[in-house]
Amino acid sequence: MGKIHSLALVLLLSSLVCAQELPAAPHENAILASAKNVPDLPPAIMSFVSTPPAREALHKYWDTPNKILLISHFALETADFGITHRNISNGGRELSWMAKPLVERGTAGQITYFAGRSAAVMGMSHIFHKTGHHRLERAFIALANADSAYGVTYSFAHR
């Protein structure tokens, strides 16, 4: 589970870099400059050409696919919490270097870790949505689901 968490951390850090808004493309500035030099265009065309295209969301954040992905993520995190709690209570050890400081301290630490992880996944996904990275928005949740499913599977196999 440690390698997957390391990969998730690298993806999280790289996604923060990718989530920054990019400047306007050079060809958009050239179109705007050329449109300002042509005074005989109709006003409807001038208003269309002179305003840069807005970054509109392709979908609402709380659409059906995101609801399904997030509900499945919360379910997987709950299952991961339950089986991890059981294993730690019966003398098991947490293998993830990221989770170990909180999870091995008891129930409160485990709740903090798993709830914080769920909140971070939803937060990063929402940042991707707001910045127009709609594929990353869903891919990030799917990656987190895969990581949680691996954690549940591993914990069940090593009870």
Protein backbone atom coordinates (compact mmCIF):
# COMPACT_ATOMS: atom_id res chain seq x y z
CA MET A 1 0.00 0.00 0.00
CA GLY A 2 2.98 2.32 0.53
CA LYS A 3 3.95 2.50 -3.17
CA ILE A 4 0.41 3.43 -4.18
CA HIS A 5 0.29 6.19 -1.56
CA SER A 6 3.63 7.49 -2.81
CA LEU A 7 2.24 7.56 -6.34
CA ALA A 8 -0.88 9.36 -5.10
CA LEU A 9 1.26 11.98 -3.35
CA VAL A 10 3.29 12.58 -6.52
CA LEU A 11 0.07 12.89 -8.53
CA LEU A 12 -1.36 15.29 -5.96
CA LEU A 13 1.68 17.55 -6.07
CA SER A 14 1.88 17.49 -9.85
CA SER A 15 -1.85 18.18 -10.08
CA LEU A 16 -1.41 21.32 -7.99
CA VAL A 17 1.04 22.57 -10.60
CA CYS A 18 -1.31 21.63 -13.46
CA ALA A 19 -4.32 23.25 -11.79
CA GLN A 20 -2.98 26.78 -12.22
CA GLU A 21 -4.80 28.80 -14.84
CA LEU A 22 -2.91 29.16 -18.11
CA PRO A 23 -2.54 32.53 -19.89
CA ALA A 24 -4.46 33.24 -23.07
CA ALA A 25 -3.10 31.62 -26.21
CA PRO A 26 -1.05 33.91 -28.51
CA HIS A 27 -3.41 33.38 -31.47
CA GLU A 28 -6.33 34.74 -29.40
CA ASN A 29 -4.45 37.99 -28.82
CA ALA A 30 -3.68 38.24 -32.55
CA ILE A 31 -7.37 37.76 -33.42
CA LEU A 32 -8.36 40.48 -30.96
CA ALA A 33 -5.76 42.89 -32.31
CA SER A 34 -6.80 42.31 -35.92
CA ALA A 35 -10.50 42.68 -35.06
CA LYS A 36 -9.89 46.09 -33.46
CA ASN A 37 -8.28 47.35 -36.67
CA VAL A 38 -11.35 46.53 -38.81
CA PRO A 39 -14.01 49.18 -38.02
CA ASP A 40 -16.57 48.20 -40.69
CA LEU A 41 -17.66 44.89 -39.14
CA PRO A 42 -21.23 44.67 -37.83
CA PRO A 43 -21.57 45.19 -34.05
CA ALA A 44 -22.69 41.58 -33.46
CA ILE A 45 -19.54 40.24 -35.11
CA MET A 46 -17.33 42.80 -33.31
CA SER A 47 -18.74 41.79 -29.92
CA PHE A 48 -18.20 38.10 -30.74
CA VAL A 49 -14.62 38.59 -31.96
CA SER A 50 -13.52 41.15 -29.38
CA THR A 51 -14.47 39.11 -26.31
CA PRO A 52 -12.26 36.13 -25.54
CA PRO A 53 -14.09 32.83 -25.18
CA ALA A 54 -15.09 32.11 -21.60
CA ARG A 55 -13.98 28.91 -19.92
CA GLU A 56 -17.38 27.40 -19.38
CA ALA A 57 -17.83 24.19 -17.47
CA LEU A 58 -18.75 21.28 -19.68
CA HIS A 59 -20.88 19.87 -16.86
CA LYS A 60 -21.95 20.63 -13.33
CA TYR A 61 -19.71 19.24 -10.61
CA TRP A 62 -22.53 17.29 -8.93
CA ASP A 63 -23.61 15.42 -12.06
CA THR A 64 -24.44 11.70 -12.02
CA PRO A 65 -20.96 10.33 -12.87
CA ASN A 66 -19.30 12.41 -10.14
CA LYS A 67 -21.98 11.41 -7.62
CA ILE A 68 -21.39 7.74 -8.43
CA LEU A 69 -17.61 8.11 -8.23
CA LEU A 70 -17.71 10.02 -4.95
CA ILE A 71 -20.29 7.76 -3.30
CA SER A 72 -18.22 4.72 -4.28
CA HIS A 73 -15.12 6.45 -2.91
CA PHE A 74 -16.81 7.18 0.41
CA ALA A 75 -18.04 3.57 0.59
CA LEU A 76 -14.55 2.21 -0.15
CA GLU A 77 -12.98 4.56 2.43
CA THR A 78 -15.54 3.42 5.01
CA ALA A 79 -14.76 -0.22 4.28
CA ASP A 80 -11.03 0.53 4.43
CA PHE A 81 -11.51 2.28 7.77
CA GLY A 82 -13.52 -0.63 9.17
CA ILE A 83 -11.12 -3.39 8.20
CA THR A 84 -8.07 -1.31 9.16
CA HIS A 85 -9.61 -0.54 12.55
CA ARG A 86 -10.30 -4.24 13.11
CA ASN A 87 -6.79 -5.26 12.06
CA ILE A 88 -5.07 -2.60 14.20
CA SER A 89 -7.26 -3.51 17.21
CA ASN A 90 -6.19 -7.16 16.85
CA GLY A 91 -2.47 -6.32 16.90
CA GLY A 92 -1.92 -5.58 13.22
CA ARG A 93 0.28 -2.81 11.87
CA GLU A 94 -0.31 -0.10 9.30
CA LEU A 95 2.02 -0.46 6.32
CA SER A 96 1.52 2.96 4.72
CA TRP A 97 4.12 5.50 5.80
CA MET A 98 1.59 8.32 5.27
CA ALA A 99 -1.15 6.73 7.38
CA LYS A 100 1.01 5.20 10.11
CA PRO A 101 1.39 8.33 12.31
CA LEU A 102 -2.39 8.75 12.62
CA VAL A 103 -3.78 5.24 12.19
CA GLU A 104 -1.65 3.58 14.86
CA ARG A 105 -2.71 6.14 17.50
CA GLY A 106 -6.21 4.75 17.81
CA THR A 107 -9.73 5.27 16.58
CA ALA A 108 -9.61 9.08 16.54
CA GLY A 109 -6.48 9.05 14.39
CA GLN A 110 -8.02 6.53 12.03
CA ILE A 111 -11.17 8.62 11.63
CA THR A 112 -9.04 11.71 11.03
CA TYR A 113 -6.94 9.99 8.38
CA PHE A 114 -9.78 8.39 6.41
CA ALA A 115 -12.10 11.43 6.63
CA GLY A 116 -9.23 13.74 5.66
CA ARG A 117 -8.38 11.52 2.72
CA SER A 118 -11.99 11.61 1.50
CA ALA A 119 -12.13 15.39 1.89
CA ALA A 120 -8.83 15.80 0.03
CA VAL A 121 -10.03 13.65 -2.89
CA MET A 122 -13.25 15.63 -3.19
CA GLY A 123 -11.39 18.94 -2.83
CA MET A 124 -8.79 18.14 -5.49
CA SER A 125 -11.49 16.91 -7.84
CA HIS A 126 -13.41 20.16 -7.35
CA ILE A 127 -10.26 22.20 -8.03
CA PHE A 128 -9.77 20.29 -11.28
CA HIS A 129 -13.41 20.99 -12.18
CA LYS A 130 -13.13 24.72 -11.47
CA THR A 131 -9.95 25.03 -13.55
CA GLY A 132 -11.44 23.21 -16.53
CA HIS A 133 -9.52 19.94 -16.15
CA HIS A 134 -12.61 17.76 -16.40
CA ARG A 135 -10.82 14.53 -17.34
CA LEU A 136 -8.45 14.89 -14.39
CA GLU A 137 -11.41 15.68 -12.16
CA ARG A 138 -12.86 12.22 -12.67
CA ALA A 139 -9.55 10.40 -13.13
CA PHE A 140 -8.37 11.61 -9.73
CA ILE A 141 -11.44 10.16 -8.00
CA ALA A 142 -11.08 6.92 -9.98
CA LEU A 143 -7.41 6.64 -8.93
CA ALA A 144 -8.38 7.22 -5.30
CA ASN A 145 -11.08 4.53 -5.67
CA ALA A 146 -8.50 2.09 -7.01
CA ASP A 147 -6.17 2.87 -4.12
CA SER A 148 -8.94 2.38 -1.56
CA ALA A 149 -10.06 -0.86 -3.22
CA TYR A 150 -6.47 -2.12 -3.04
CA GLY A 151 -6.32 -1.21 0.65
CA VAL A 152 -9.56 -3.04 1.40
CA THR A 153 -8.48 -6.10 -0.59
CA TYR A 154 -5.05 -6.23 1.07
CA SER A 155 -6.51 -5.75 4.55
CA PHE A 156 -9.08 -8.52 4.02
CA ALA A 157 -6.40 -10.86 2.72
CA HIS A 158 -4.16 -10.22 5.76
CA ARG A 159 -6.67 -10.27 8.62
